[in-house]
């Protein structure tokens, strides 16, 4: 870069001008890089929200709640599901019909909801994911309430391979308590 310093300025003024100009150019490059990184991050978020995982995570939430209700009360109904998921009764009815069509449960209007083998299997998988993540967070020293809240927020968004590796890591830490003790 060639910066022409007017001849009337003194050397000090010229150097000050040059330093200010360089500072301005560096600032622009940094700002541009930050904007590009933010744009990349926004695109990443956009892509993540486009994914079918959003619908799948809702399916997992419903099956998880239905399974827990059946374990707790012996049955599940749309009103209870609505309360636990904090969604409207019509939304529950629509999802229950969709889950029935998908072969995850058996449902008759105004009757109890029963999971099929397919629904029970997926609910068990979600329960195992939840348990693995909860145990991992507890190993990190996070209290149960916060760990459980965090697990609910991320359990449906992790790839099965990630869960598998976390499960192996938790098993490794349990079989090597000295490593875990040195961390805590």
C-alpha atoms as a PDB file:
ATOM      1  CA  UNK A   1       0.000   0.000   0.000  1.00  0.00           C
ATOM      2  CA  UNK A   2       1.308   3.411  -0.867  1.00  0.00           C
ATOM      3  CA  UNK A   3       0.075   6.319   1.182  1.00  0.00           C
ATOM      4  CA  UNK A   4       0.941   9.724  -0.119  1.00  0.00           C
ATOM      5  CA  UNK A   5       1.620  12.179   2.685  1.00  0.00           C
ATOM      6  CA  UNK A   6       1.102  15.792   1.665  1.00  0.00           C
ATOM      7  CA  UNK A   7       4.431  17.666   1.660  1.00  0.00           C
ATOM      8  CA  UNK A   8       3.145  20.452   3.914  1.00  0.00           C
ATOM      9  CA  UNK A   9       2.694  18.112   6.864  1.00  0.00           C
ATOM     10  CA  UNK A  10       5.523  17.441   9.199  1.00  0.00           C
ATOM     11  CA  UNK A  11       6.973  13.956   9.629  1.00  0.00           C
ATOM     12  CA  UNK A  12       5.111  13.489  12.945  1.00  0.00           C
ATOM     13  CA  UNK A  13       1.814  14.466  11.377  1.00  0.00           C
ATOM     14  CA  UNK A  14       2.503  12.129   8.481  1.00  0.00           C
ATOM     15  CA  UNK A  15       3.289   9.194  10.779  1.00  0.00           C
ATOM     16  CA  UNK A  16       0.189   9.890  12.848  1.00  0.00           C
ATOM     17  CA  UNK A  17      -1.868   9.939   9.661  1.00  0.00           C
ATOM     18  CA  UNK A  18      -0.301   6.636   8.526  1.00  0.00           C
ATOM     19  CA  UNK A  19      -0.879   4.930  11.905  1.00  0.00           C
ATOM     20  CA  UNK A  20      -4.491   6.108  11.991  1.00  0.00           C
ATOM     21  CA  UNK A  21      -5.029   4.881   8.431  1.00  0.00           C
ATOM     22  CA  UNK A  22      -3.541   1.457   9.238  1.00  0.00           C
ATOM     23  CA  UNK A  23      -5.680   1.231  12.386  1.00  0.00           C
ATOM     24  CA  UNK A  24      -8.754   2.019  10.321  1.00  0.00           C
ATOM     25  CA  UNK A  25      -7.866  -0.653   7.737  1.00  0.00           C
ATOM     26  CA  UNK A  26      -7.177  -3.303  10.415  1.00  0.00           C
ATOM     27  CA  UNK A  27     -10.449  -2.436  12.133  1.00  0.00           C
ATOM     28  CA  UNK A  28     -12.308  -2.907   8.838  1.00  0.00           C
ATOM     29  CA  UNK A  29     -10.694  -6.312   8.251  1.00  0.00           C
ATOM     30  CA  UNK A  30     -11.549  -7.467  11.804  1.00  0.00           C
ATOM     31  CA  UNK A  31     -15.118  -6.194  11.482  1.00  0.00           C
ATOM     32  CA  UNK A  32     -15.488  -7.935   8.116  1.00  0.00           C
ATOM     33  CA  UNK A  33     -14.186 -11.231   9.562  1.00  0.00           C
ATOM     34  CA  UNK A  34     -16.556 -10.969  12.535  1.00  0.00           C
ATOM     35  CA  UNK A  35     -19.487 -10.282  10.223  1.00  0.00           C
ATOM     36  CA  UNK A  36     -18.551 -13.270   8.055  1.00  0.00           C
ATOM     37  CA  UNK A  37     -18.339 -15.517  11.125  1.00  0.00           C
ATOM     38  CA  UNK A  38     -21.713 -14.270  12.363  1.00  0.00           C
ATOM     39  CA  UNK A  39     -23.220 -14.864   8.927  1.00  0.00           C
ATOM     40  CA  UNK A  40     -21.791 -18.406   8.911  1.00  0.00           C
ATOM     41  CA  UNK A  41     -23.207 -19.022  12.389  1.00  0.00           C
ATOM     42  CA  UNK A  42     -26.618 -17.711  11.332  1.00  0.00           C
ATOM     43  CA  UNK A  43     -26.583 -19.997   8.297  1.00  0.00           C
ATOM     44  CA  UNK A  44     -25.639 -22.899  10.561  1.00  0.00           C
ATOM     45  CA  UNK A  45     -28.548 -22.100  12.886  1.00  0.00           C
ATOM     46  CA  UNK A  46     -30.883 -21.755   9.909  1.00  0.00           C
ATOM     47  CA  UNK A  47     -29.828 -25.146   8.538  1.00  0.00           C
ATOM     48  CA  UNK A  48     -30.226 -26.785  11.937  1.00  0.00           C
ATOM     49  CA  UNK A  49     -33.765 -25.465  12.214  1.00  0.00           C
ATOM     50  CA  UNK A  50     -34.618 -26.600   8.676  1.00  0.00           C
ATOM     51  CA  UNK A  51     -33.710 -30.141   9.584  1.00  0.00           C
ATOM     52  CA  UNK A  52     -36.362 -32.792  10.114  1.00  0.00           C
ATOM     53  CA  UNK A  53     -34.986 -33.249  13.625  1.00  0.00           C
ATOM     54  CA  UNK A  54     -37.387 -30.572  14.836  1.00  0.00           C
ATOM     55  CA  UNK A  55     -40.386 -32.735  13.997  1.00  0.00           C
ATOM     56  CA  UNK A  56     -38.566 -35.855  15.158  1.00  0.00           C
ATOM     57  CA  UNK A  57     -37.677 -34.242  18.478  1.00  0.00           C
ATOM     58  CA  UNK A  58     -41.344 -33.451  19.053  1.00  0.00           C
ATOM     59  CA  UNK A  59     -42.193 -37.079  18.321  1.00  0.00           C
ATOM     60  CA  UNK A  60     -39.567 -38.162  20.845  1.00  0.00           C
ATOM     61  CA  UNK A  61     -40.955 -35.724  23.429  1.00  0.00           C
ATOM     62  CA  UNK A  62     -44.463 -37.091  23.016  1.00  0.00           C
ATOM     63  CA  UNK A  63     -43.381 -40.722  23.170  1.00  0.00           C
ATOM     64  CA  UNK A  64     -41.213 -40.019  26.207  1.00  0.00           C
ATOM     65  CA  UNK A  65     -44.099 -38.358  28.069  1.00  0.00           C
ATOM     66  CA  UNK A  66     -46.594 -41.052  27.071  1.00  0.00           C
ATOM     67  CA  UNK A  67     -44.198 -43.768  28.228  1.00  0.00           C
ATOM     68  CA  UNK A  68     -43.583 -42.026  31.556  1.00  0.00           C
ATOM     69  CA  UNK A  69     -47.307 -41.515  32.118  1.00  0.00           C
ATOM     70  CA  UNK A  70     -48.028 -45.184  31.414  1.00  0.00           C
ATOM     71  CA  UNK A  71     -45.269 -46.175  33.863  1.00  0.00           C
ATOM     72  CA  UNK A  72     -46.596 -43.751  36.496  1.00  0.00           C
ATOM     73  CA  UNK A  73     -50.365 -44.112  36.159  1.00  0.00           C
ATOM     74  CA  UNK A  74     -50.851 -47.194  34.030  1.00  0.00           C
ATOM     75  CA  UNK A  75     -52.266 -45.144  31.177  1.00  0.00           C
ATOM     76  CA  UNK A  76     -51.873 -41.897  29.219  1.00  0.00           C
ATOM     77  CA  UNK A  77     -54.494 -39.545  27.868  1.00  0.00           C
ATOM     78  CA  UNK A  78     -54.447 -36.358  25.814  1.00  0.00           C
ATOM     79  CA  UNK A  79     -55.211 -34.112  28.791  1.00  0.00           C
ATOM     80  CA  UNK A  80     -52.222 -35.362  30.783  1.00  0.00           C
ATOM     81  CA  UNK A  81     -49.927 -35.130  27.754  1.00  0.00           C
ATOM     82  CA  UNK A  82     -51.142 -31.580  27.186  1.00  0.00           C
ATOM     83  CA  UNK A  83     -50.304 -30.628  30.784  1.00  0.00           C
ATOM     84  CA  UNK A  84     -46.828 -32.175  30.787  1.00  0.00           C
ATOM     85  CA  UNK A  85     -45.776 -30.812  27.399  1.00  0.00           C
ATOM     86  CA  UNK A  86     -47.479 -27.465  27.981  1.00  0.00           C
ATOM     87  CA  UNK A  87     -49.293 -27.545  24.634  1.00  0.00           C
ATOM     88  CA  UNK A  88     -52.951 -27.232  23.735  1.00  0.00           C
ATOM     89  CA  UNK A  89     -55.243 -30.252  23.739  1.00  0.00           C
ATOM     90  CA  UNK A  90     -55.955 -29.908  19.982  1.00  0.00           C
ATOM     91  CA  UNK A  91     -52.189 -29.954  19.312  1.00  0.00           C
ATOM     92  CA  UNK A  92     -51.886 -33.147  21.330  1.00  0.00           C
ATOM     93  CA  UNK A  93     -54.778 -34.737  19.468  1.00  0.00           C
ATOM     94  CA  UNK A  94     -53.191 -33.861  16.130  1.00  0.00           C
ATOM     95  CA  UNK A  95     -49.800 -35.292  17.163  1.00  0.00           C
ATOM     96  CA  UNK A  96     -51.367 -38.417  18.683  1.00  0.00           C
ATOM     97  CA  UNK A  97     -53.157 -39.051  15.388  1.00  0.00           C
ATOM     98  CA  UNK A  98     -49.874 -38.554  13.537  1.00  0.00           C
ATOM     99  CA  UNK A  99     -48.091 -40.958  15.917  1.00  0.00           C
ATOM    100  CA  UNK A 100     -50.878 -43.465  15.416  1.00  0.00           C
ATOM    101  CA  UNK A 101     -50.540 -43.171  11.645  1.00  0.00           C
ATOM    102  CA  UNK A 102     -46.780 -43.672  12.046  1.00  0.00           C
ATOM    103  CA  UNK A 103     -47.317 -46.893  13.969  1.00  0.00           C
ATOM    104  CA  UNK A 104     -45.980 -45.564  17.287  1.00  0.00           C
ATOM    105  CA  UNK A 105     -49.196 -45.914  19.269  1.00  0.00           C
ATOM    106  CA  UNK A 106     -52.779 -47.097  19.325  1.00  0.00           C
ATOM    107  CA  UNK A 107     -55.375 -44.473  19.981  1.00  0.00           C
ATOM    108  CA  UNK A 108     -59.122 -44.243  19.972  1.00  0.00           C
ATOM    109  CA  UNK A 109     -60.757 -40.911  20.559  1.00  0.00           C
ATOM    110  CA  UNK A 110     -61.547 -40.322  24.275  1.00  0.00           C
ATOM    111  CA  UNK A 111     -59.745 -43.536  25.221  1.00  0.00           C
ATOM    112  CA  UNK A 112     -56.414 -44.461  26.708  1.00  0.00           C
ATOM    113  CA  UNK A 113     -53.292 -44.233  24.613  1.00  0.00           C
ATOM    114  CA  UNK A 114     -51.097 -47.313  24.266  1.00  0.00           C
ATOM    115  CA  UNK A 115     -47.630 -47.429  22.753  1.00  0.00           C
ATOM    116  CA  UNK A 116     -46.921 -50.052  20.117  1.00  0.00           C
ATOM    117  CA  UNK A 117     -43.673 -52.007  20.114  1.00  0.00           C
ATOM    118  CA  UNK A 118     -42.248 -49.392  17.744  1.00  0.00           C
ATOM    119  CA  UNK A 119     -43.306 -46.560  20.072  1.00  0.00           C
ATOM    120  CA  UNK A 120     -42.020 -48.339  23.165  1.00  0.00           C
ATOM    121  CA  UNK A 121     -38.694 -49.004  21.464  1.00  0.00           C
ATOM    122  CA  UNK A 122     -38.208 -45.351  20.515  1.00  0.00           C
ATOM    123  CA  UNK A 123     -39.320 -44.165  23.972  1.00  0.00           C
ATOM    124  CA  UNK A 124     -36.778 -46.547  25.551  1.00  0.00           C
ATOM    125  CA  UNK A 125     -34.050 -45.187  23.268  1.00  0.00           C
ATOM    126  CA  UNK A 126     -34.910 -41.635  24.339  1.00  0.00           C
ATOM    127  CA  UNK A 127     -34.890 -42.712  27.982  1.00  0.00           C
ATOM    128  CA  UNK A 128     -31.418 -44.265  27.535  1.00  0.00           C
ATOM    129  CA  UNK A 129     -30.132 -41.098  25.834  1.00  0.00           C
ATOM    130  CA  UNK A 130     -31.525 -39.057  28.686  1.00  0.00           C
ATOM    131  CA  UNK A 131     -29.884 -41.294  31.273  1.00  0.00           C
ATOM    132  CA  UNK A 132     -26.498 -41.210  29.547  1.00  0.00           C
ATOM    133  CA  UNK A 133     -26.501 -37.427  29.226  1.00  0.00           C
ATOM    134  CA  UNK A 134     -27.743 -36.938  32.780  1.00  0.00           C
ATOM    135  CA  UNK A 135     -25.031 -39.211  34.153  1.00  0.00           C
ATOM    136  CA  UNK A 136     -22.377 -37.406  32.100  1.00  0.00           C
ATOM    137  CA  UNK A 137     -23.498 -33.989  33.345  1.00  0.00           C
ATOM    138  CA  UNK A 138     -23.584 -35.256  36.929  1.00  0.00           C
ATOM    139  CA  UNK A 139     -19.987 -36.476  36.478  1.00  0.00           C
ATOM    140  CA  UNK A 140     -19.093 -32.942  35.438  1.00  0.00           C
ATOM    141  CA  UNK A 141     -20.385 -31.786  38.811  1.00  0.00           C
ATOM    142  CA  UNK A 142     -23.587 -30.173  37.588  1.00  0.00           C
ATOM    143  CA  UNK A 143     -26.422 -30.416  40.098  1.00  0.00           C
ATOM    144  CA  UNK A 144     -29.300 -32.735  39.209  1.00  0.00           C
ATOM    145  CA  UNK A 145     -31.910 -30.053  38.560  1.00  0.00           C
ATOM    146  CA  UNK A 146     -29.750 -28.054  36.143  1.00  0.00           C
ATOM    147  CA  UNK A 147     -28.387 -31.206  34.494  1.00  0.00           C
ATOM    148  CA  UNK A 148     -31.907 -32.517  33.905  1.00  0.00           C
ATOM    149  CA  UNK A 149     -33.013 -29.188  32.452  1.00  0.00           C
ATOM    150  CA  UNK A 150     -30.013 -29.110  30.091  1.00  0.00           C
ATOM    151  CA  UNK A 151     -30.549 -32.721  29.045  1.00  0.00           C
ATOM    152  CA  UNK A 152     -34.165 -31.964  28.122  1.00  0.00           C
ATOM    153  CA  UNK A 153     -32.896 -29.135  25.946  1.00  0.00           C
ATOM    154  CA  UNK A 154     -30.348 -31.136  23.958  1.00  0.00           C
ATOM    155  CA  UNK A 155     -31.194 -34.835  24.077  1.00  0.00           C
ATOM    156  CA  UNK A 156     -33.180 -34.821  20.836  1.00  0.00           C
ATOM    157  CA  UNK A 157     -30.563 -32.908  18.882  1.00  0.00           C
ATOM    158  CA  UNK A 158     -27.572 -35.185  19.290  1.00  0.00           C
ATOM    159  CA  UNK A 159     -26.540 -37.689  16.682  1.00  0.00           C
ATOM    160  CA  UNK A 160     -26.769 -41.341  17.831  1.00  0.00           C
ATOM    161  CA  UNK A 161     -23.015 -41.662  17.256  1.00  0.00           C
ATOM    162  CA  UNK A 162     -22.410 -38.806  19.727  1.00  0.00           C
ATOM    163  CA  UNK A 163     -24.593 -40.531  22.325  1.00  0.00           C
ATOM    164  CA  UNK A 164     -22.771 -43.830  21.748  1.00  0.00           C
ATOM    165  CA  UNK A 165     -19.388 -42.179  22.317  1.00  0.00           C
ATOM    166  CA  UNK A 166     -20.635 -40.358  25.411  1.00  0.00           C
ATOM    167  CA  UNK A 167     -21.967 -43.650  26.774  1.00  0.00           C
ATOM    168  CA  UNK A 168     -18.532 -45.243  26.201  1.00  0.00           C
ATOM    169  CA  UNK A 169     -16.853 -42.273  27.891  1.00  0.00           C
ATOM    170  CA  UNK A 170     -19.161 -42.466  30.913  1.00  0.00           C
ATOM    171  CA  UNK A 171     -18.440 -46.194  31.192  1.00  0.00           C
ATOM    172  CA  UNK A 172     -14.712 -45.466  30.946  1.00  0.00           C
ATOM    173  CA  UNK A 173     -14.902 -42.871  33.722  1.00  0.00           C
ATOM    174  CA  UNK A 174     -16.930 -45.210  35.938  1.00  0.00           C
ATOM    175  CA  UNK A 175     -14.327 -47.949  35.508  1.00  0.00           C
ATOM    176  CA  UNK A 176     -11.511 -45.467  36.235  1.00  0.00           C
ATOM    177  CA  UNK A 177     -12.712 -43.623  39.337  1.00  0.00           C
ATOM    178  CA  UNK A 178      -9.307 -42.056  40.004  1.00  0.00           C
ATOM    179  CA  UNK A 179      -9.560 -40.068  36.784  1.00  0.00           C
ATOM    180  CA  UNK A 180     -13.024 -38.859  37.750  1.00  0.00           C
ATOM    181  CA  UNK A 181     -11.879 -37.998  41.291  1.00  0.00           C
ATOM    182  CA  UNK A 182      -8.956 -35.966  39.943  1.00  0.00           C
ATOM    183  CA  UNK A 183     -11.362 -33.997  37.796  1.00  0.00           C
ATOM    184  CA  UNK A 184     -13.814 -33.240  40.562  1.00  0.00           C
END
